Protein backbone atom coordinates (compact mmCIF):
# COMPACT_ATOMS: atom_id res chain seq x y z
CA MET A 1 99.33 -30.52 59.22
CA LEU A 2 96.89 -33.40 59.61
CA PHE A 3 93.13 -32.95 59.76
CA PRO A 4 91.59 -35.85 61.73
CA LYS A 5 87.97 -36.41 60.80
CA THR A 6 86.61 -35.47 64.19
CA LEU A 7 88.55 -32.21 64.30
CA LEU A 8 87.55 -31.36 60.74
CA ALA A 9 83.90 -31.96 61.58
CA LEU A 10 84.05 -29.80 64.69
CA ALA A 11 85.88 -27.04 62.85
CA LEU A 12 83.56 -26.90 59.85
CA VAL A 13 80.08 -27.98 60.94
CA SER A 14 79.21 -24.62 62.48
CA LEU A 15 80.49 -22.78 59.41
CA SER A 16 78.61 -25.13 57.11
CA LEU A 17 75.33 -24.76 58.97
CA ALA A 18 75.66 -21.00 58.97
CA ALA A 19 76.22 -21.06 55.23
CA CYS A 20 73.22 -23.32 54.74
CA GLY A 21 70.82 -21.05 56.62
CA GLN A 22 68.10 -23.70 56.80
CA THR A 23 67.15 -26.86 58.67
CA ALA A 24 67.63 -30.15 56.86
CA THR A 25 64.42 -32.11 56.35
CA PRO A 26 63.97 -35.62 54.90
CA VAL A 27 63.33 -35.81 51.16
CA GLU A 28 62.56 -38.60 48.72
CA PRO A 29 65.67 -40.37 47.42
CA SER A 30 66.86 -38.64 44.30
CA ALA A 31 69.78 -38.57 41.91
CA GLY A 32 71.07 -36.10 39.40
CA SER A 33 73.06 -32.93 39.31
CA LEU A 34 73.06 -29.49 40.81
CA SER A 35 73.55 -27.14 37.89
CA LEU A 36 74.06 -23.48 37.20
CA SER A 37 75.08 -21.38 34.25
CA ALA A 38 78.80 -21.74 33.72
CA ALA A 39 80.87 -19.28 35.75
CA ARG A 40 77.86 -17.43 37.15
CA ALA A 41 77.30 -16.89 40.88
CA PRO A 42 74.70 -14.74 42.66
CA LYS A 43 75.66 -11.73 44.72
CA ALA A 44 73.43 -12.88 47.58
CA ALA A 45 74.55 -15.65 49.94
CA ALA A 46 71.20 -17.47 49.71
CA GLY A 47 70.25 -20.07 47.11
CA ASN A 48 71.97 -22.98 45.48
CA PRO A 49 74.96 -24.19 47.56
CA ILE A 50 77.21 -24.10 44.50
CA ASP A 51 76.24 -20.47 44.00
CA ARG A 52 77.37 -19.73 47.54
CA ILE A 53 80.69 -21.48 47.00
CA ASN A 54 81.22 -19.53 43.78
CA ALA A 55 80.40 -16.25 45.50
CA ARG A 56 83.22 -16.97 47.97
CA LEU A 57 85.63 -17.92 45.19
CA ALA A 58 84.80 -14.70 43.32
CA ALA A 59 85.38 -12.62 46.43
CA GLU A 60 88.77 -14.32 46.87
CA GLY A 61 89.73 -13.65 43.24
CA ALA A 62 90.10 -17.37 42.50
CA PRO A 63 90.13 -18.21 38.75
CA ILE A 64 87.72 -21.14 39.11
CA ARG A 65 83.95 -21.56 39.40
CA PHE A 66 82.05 -24.74 40.17
CA ALA A 67 79.82 -25.60 37.23
CA HIS A 68 77.97 -28.64 38.56
CA ALA A 69 77.89 -31.34 41.22
CA GLN A 70 76.92 -34.87 40.26
CA TYR A 71 75.71 -37.07 43.09
CA VAL A 72 74.63 -40.68 43.40
CA THR A 73 72.22 -42.48 45.72
CA GLY A 74 71.19 -46.00 46.60
CA GLY A 75 68.03 -47.32 44.97
CA PRO A 76 64.82 -47.10 47.08
CA SER A 77 63.27 -50.53 46.38
CA ALA A 78 60.22 -50.12 48.61
CA ARG A 79 59.27 -46.73 47.15
CA ALA A 80 58.95 -47.87 43.55
CA ALA A 81 55.43 -47.94 42.13
CA GLY A 82 54.16 -48.96 38.71
CA GLN A 83 56.52 -47.67 36.03
CA THR A 84 57.54 -44.56 37.93
CA ILE A 85 60.59 -43.06 36.27
CA PHE A 86 63.16 -41.90 38.83
CA ALA A 87 65.82 -40.75 36.39
CA THR A 88 66.25 -40.50 32.64
CA ASP A 89 69.77 -39.23 32.18
CA ARG A 90 71.54 -39.18 28.83
CA GLU A 91 74.25 -36.67 29.64
CA LEU A 92 77.12 -38.96 28.68
CA ARG A 93 79.73 -36.23 29.00
CA PHE A 94 79.85 -32.85 30.70
CA PRO A 95 79.87 -29.50 28.85
CA SER A 96 83.45 -28.99 30.08
CA ARG A 97 86.53 -31.05 29.28
CA TRP A 98 89.97 -31.62 30.72
CA VAL A 99 92.67 -29.94 28.62
CA PRO A 100 95.70 -32.20 28.00
CA PHE A 101 98.25 -29.37 28.24
CA ASP A 102 96.41 -26.96 30.52
CA PRO A 103 98.49 -23.75 30.63
CA VAL A 104 97.21 -22.66 34.06
CA ARG A 105 98.04 -25.83 35.93
CA GLY A 106 101.00 -26.63 33.67
CA ARG A 107 99.59 -30.08 32.94
CA ASP A 108 101.98 -32.37 31.05
CA GLY A 109 99.39 -34.46 29.22
CA THR A 110 98.54 -36.61 32.25
CA LEU A 111 95.64 -36.32 34.70
CA SER A 112 96.47 -36.45 38.40
CA TYR A 113 94.55 -37.47 41.49
CA LEU A 114 95.13 -37.71 45.20
CA VAL A 115 93.42 -39.30 48.19
CA PHE A 116 93.36 -37.11 51.30
CA GLN A 117 94.53 -39.62 53.90
CA PRO A 118 93.14 -37.97 57.07
CA LEU A 119 89.61 -38.56 55.71
CA ALA A 120 90.27 -41.84 53.87
CA ALA A 121 88.91 -44.14 56.60
CA ALA A 122 85.31 -45.18 55.95
CA ASN A 123 83.31 -45.58 59.17
CA GLY A 124 86.50 -44.80 61.06
CA SER A 125 88.19 -48.12 60.30
CA ILE A 126 88.11 -49.18 56.62
CA ASP A 127 90.98 -47.88 54.51
CA SER A 128 89.35 -46.65 51.30
CA GLU A 129 92.57 -45.66 49.54
CA PRO A 130 93.23 -49.06 47.89
CA GLU A 131 89.63 -49.12 46.63
CA ILE A 132 89.88 -45.60 45.18
CA ASP A 133 93.22 -46.49 43.58
CA ALA A 134 91.66 -49.59 42.02
CA ALA A 135 88.74 -47.55 40.67
CA LEU A 136 91.06 -45.05 38.94
CA ALA A 137 93.25 -47.86 37.61
CA THR A 138 90.21 -49.53 36.07
CA TRP A 139 89.25 -46.34 34.24
CA GLU A 140 92.82 -45.87 33.03
CA ASP A 141 92.91 -49.46 31.75
CA VAL A 142 89.92 -49.06 29.42
CA THR A 143 91.28 -50.42 26.14
CA CYS A 144 90.79 -47.29 24.06
CA SER A 145 92.25 -44.92 26.65
CA LYS A 146 95.37 -42.94 25.85
CA VAL A 147 95.39 -40.87 29.03
CA ASP A 148 97.77 -41.57 31.91
CA ILE A 149 96.12 -41.10 35.31
CA VAL A 150 98.85 -40.41 37.83
CA LYS A 151 98.48 -40.61 41.61
CA LEU A 152 100.11 -37.81 43.60
CA PRO A 153 101.11 -38.21 47.26
CA ASP A 154 99.05 -36.56 49.96
CA SER A 155 101.19 -33.70 51.29
CA GLY A 156 98.96 -33.17 54.31
CA GLU A 157 97.80 -29.80 52.98
CA PHE A 158 94.02 -29.47 52.91
CA PRO A 159 93.02 -29.99 49.22
CA SER A 160 89.33 -28.98 49.25
CA ALA A 161 88.36 -26.11 46.97
CA VAL A 162 84.74 -26.44 48.14
CA LEU A 163 85.72 -25.91 51.78
CA GLY A 164 88.45 -23.36 51.18
CA GLY A 165 91.68 -25.33 50.72
CA ASN A 166 94.44 -25.42 48.10
CA PHE A 167 92.93 -26.38 44.76
CA PHE A 168 96.25 -26.70 42.89
CA LEU A 169 97.30 -29.94 44.57
CA ALA A 170 95.77 -32.37 42.03
CA ASP A 171 93.27 -32.47 39.18
CA ILE A 172 90.92 -34.93 40.89
CA VAL A 173 90.74 -34.84 44.69
CA ASN A 174 89.12 -37.68 46.61
CA LEU A 175 88.61 -35.69 49.80
CA GLY A 176 87.25 -38.70 51.64
CA PHE A 177 84.46 -39.64 54.03
CA LEU A 178 82.63 -36.69 55.57
CA PRO A 179 79.73 -36.57 58.05
CA GLY A 180 76.29 -36.39 56.45
CA VAL A 181 75.76 -32.80 57.61
CA PHE A 182 78.15 -31.68 54.86
CA PHE A 183 75.88 -33.28 52.27
CA ASP A 184 72.83 -31.55 53.75
CA THR A 185 74.71 -28.26 53.51
CA PHE A 186 76.54 -28.50 50.21
CA VAL A 187 74.25 -30.77 48.14
CA GLU A 188 70.67 -30.30 49.37
CA PRO A 189 68.64 -30.67 52.59
CA GLY A 190 68.11 -34.36 53.28
CA ALA A 191 71.13 -35.50 51.27
CA ALA A 192 72.68 -36.98 54.41
CA GLN A 193 70.02 -39.70 54.30
CA ASN A 194 70.18 -40.64 50.62
CA THR A 195 73.38 -39.44 48.92
CA LEU A 196 76.30 -41.87 48.85
CA GLY A 197 78.78 -39.62 47.09
CA VAL A 198 79.09 -36.34 45.25
CA THR A 199 81.63 -34.95 42.80
CA PHE A 200 81.97 -31.20 42.34
CA THR A 201 83.45 -30.07 39.01
CA ALA A 202 84.93 -26.60 38.48
CA ILE A 203 85.99 -24.75 35.34
CA TRP A 204 88.64 -22.09 34.75
CA VAL A 205 87.41 -18.53 34.26
CA ASP A 206 88.94 -15.24 33.26
CA THR A 207 87.76 -12.90 36.03
CA GLN A 208 88.48 -9.81 33.88
CA GLY A 209 90.28 -8.37 36.89
CA THR A 210 87.09 -7.70 38.84
CA PRO A 211 85.46 -9.41 41.87
CA ASP A 212 82.05 -9.37 40.16
CA PRO A 213 81.14 -12.90 38.96
CA ALA A 214 79.01 -11.32 36.24
CA ASP A 215 82.28 -10.42 34.52
CA ASP A 216 83.59 -13.99 34.50
CA VAL A 217 84.37 -15.51 31.12
CA PRO A 218 84.87 -19.30 30.94
CA THR A 219 88.10 -20.27 29.21
CA ASP A 220 88.50 -22.51 26.17
CA PHE A 221 92.27 -22.97 25.92
CA ASP A 222 92.21 -25.53 23.14
CA GLY A 223 89.37 -24.01 21.12
CA ASN A 224 87.26 -27.17 21.12
CA GLY A 225 84.02 -25.41 22.03
CA TYR A 226 83.99 -26.74 25.60
CA ASN A 227 84.72 -24.94 28.85
CA ASP A 228 87.99 -26.04 30.44
CA THR A 229 87.71 -28.28 33.51
CA ALA A 230 89.89 -26.97 36.33
CA LEU A 231 89.35 -29.58 39.03
CA ALA A 232 87.05 -32.24 40.43
CA GLU A 233 86.46 -32.97 44.10
CA THR A 234 84.74 -36.09 45.43
CA TRP A 235 83.15 -36.67 48.83
CA TYR A 236 81.74 -39.89 50.32
CA ASN A 237 78.98 -39.92 52.93
CA ASP A 238 80.22 -41.48 56.17
CA ASP A 239 76.69 -41.71 57.57
CA PHE A 240 76.25 -44.90 55.51
CA ALA A 241 77.69 -48.30 56.42
CA TRP A 242 80.55 -49.13 54.03
CA SER A 243 82.46 -52.23 53.01
CA ASP A 244 85.50 -53.02 50.87
CA THR A 245 84.43 -56.63 50.30
CA GLY A 246 81.13 -56.20 48.44
CA GLU A 247 79.24 -57.48 51.47
CA PRO A 248 75.45 -57.47 50.86
CA GLY A 249 73.55 -54.76 52.69
CA LEU A 250 76.57 -52.43 52.86
CA GLN A 251 77.78 -49.79 50.40
CA ASP A 252 80.71 -51.00 48.31
CA ILE A 253 83.50 -48.42 48.41
CA GLN A 254 85.06 -49.35 45.08
CA THR A 255 81.70 -49.31 43.27
CA VAL A 256 80.87 -45.80 44.46
CA ALA A 257 84.47 -44.62 43.93
CA PHE A 258 84.38 -45.97 40.37
CA HIS A 259 81.15 -44.06 39.70
CA GLU A 260 82.23 -40.80 41.32
CA ASN A 261 85.67 -40.79 39.72
CA GLY A 262 83.90 -41.36 36.43
CA HIS A 263 82.33 -37.96 37.08
CA GLY A 264 85.76 -36.62 37.97
CA LEU A 265 87.01 -37.78 34.57
CA GLY A 266 84.11 -36.06 32.82
CA LEU A 267 81.37 -38.68 32.48
CA GLY A 268 77.76 -37.85 33.26
CA HIS A 269 74.85 -40.10 34.22
CA PHE A 270 73.22 -42.42 31.73
CA GLY A 271 70.16 -44.63 31.59
CA LYS A 272 66.49 -44.83 32.50
CA ILE A 273 65.77 -46.08 36.02
CA PHE A 274 62.26 -47.23 36.89
CA GLY A 275 60.44 -49.29 39.51
CA THR A 276 57.86 -52.03 39.15
CA LEU A 277 55.09 -52.60 41.67
CA ALA A 278 55.04 -56.37 41.25
CA ASN A 279 58.43 -57.01 42.81
CA LEU A 280 59.21 -53.61 44.36
CA ARG A 281 62.52 -53.48 42.56
CA LEU A 282 64.35 -50.94 40.48
CA HIS A 283 65.36 -51.64 36.90
CA VAL A 284 67.73 -49.83 34.56
CA ALA A 285 67.99 -49.48 30.81
CA PRO A 286 70.81 -49.81 30.01
CA ARG A 287 72.76 -51.06 33.00
CA ALA A 288 75.87 -48.94 33.50
CA ALA A 289 78.37 -48.02 36.16
CA MET A 290 77.32 -44.42 35.50
CA ASN A 291 73.61 -45.00 36.21
CA ALA A 292 72.26 -42.34 38.57
CA PHE A 293 71.55 -44.96 41.26
CA ILE A 294 73.91 -47.55 42.72
CA LEU A 295 72.17 -50.89 42.20
CA GLY A 296 74.65 -53.34 43.67
CA VAL A 297 78.35 -53.99 43.22
CA LEU A 298 79.71 -52.86 39.83
CA ARG A 299 83.44 -52.14 39.72
CA GLU A 300 84.08 -51.94 35.98
CA PRO A 301 82.61 -50.18 32.95
CA LEU A 302 79.87 -51.67 30.82
CA GLY A 303 79.07 -50.86 27.20
CA THR A 304 77.72 -47.34 27.57
CA ASP A 305 80.45 -46.41 30.05
CA ASN A 306 83.13 -47.62 27.66
CA GLY A 307 81.63 -45.72 24.74
CA ALA A 308 81.42 -42.45 26.65
CA TYR A 309 84.93 -42.81 28.08
CA CYS A 310 86.41 -43.64 24.67
CA GLY A 311 84.74 -40.56 23.23
CA LEU A 312 86.68 -38.48 25.75
CA TYR A 313 90.03 -40.22 25.87
CA GLY A 314 90.38 -42.31 22.72
CA SER A 315 92.25 -39.50 20.99
CA TRP A 316 93.89 -37.95 24.06
CA PRO A 317 97.48 -36.95 23.15
CA ASN A 318 100.27 -38.70 24.99
């Protein structure tokens, strides 16, 4: 079954707003991560949107819990003042890792991804799939990498774990371009105006045979001291104007896809971002594809990105 964007929006907006329980209001541009204790979800429906998603997953008996959601914004040049620090992120890698031979998913040593085609058109007309494919290919081609990143075909089945679909279809799901209201609901109020993309990362848990999330125990299949990543799901905000050519003034699909799929592969944000009053511009130290703000077209890893990626996949078995 296909899920055209307009039908998906109509079907889910009312549900999303009911889950949100609040009116979205503008906020200052921000970047970072929504976090919670691994595999913990509140019993009440209110609070952090990830908590609400996890409460639903627990009630369904699903063996996954979302541990964090990393999101990225565009840099607010006119709002910088003095040496105001907008982000100082040094979380090069997440506290969970992909397991090469994951026994739950039956992984064969590769990592898989898919692009959900019914939502792959940016602004209703630009095919994002080639740009997402290029972004994943660039990560796979990092010199030190020993991991094979394999694309799986879109079967037409809805692959969103966040919105209640089948989460066994691929490791990394690029769900596609959603209306901004979904970002207001599932990231934070006001995210529709400032968030370009978000990647939700879930871990496997042992539910201990109960529906109470307090009984959840995160798994560590390979005994490396890290929770086991179960899936990653990426959304792009269709309220922005997008381009696949790097056109100035528009958001570059491949740049944002490269950043967000970096999160999907386990990389966090890195670098200090600050503004100067003299030229009303943002600066970064160091410049990286995984900076918490998108500051122009950047479709390949720089030094810090390479180092973090090699730390994850330089010794990956194949």
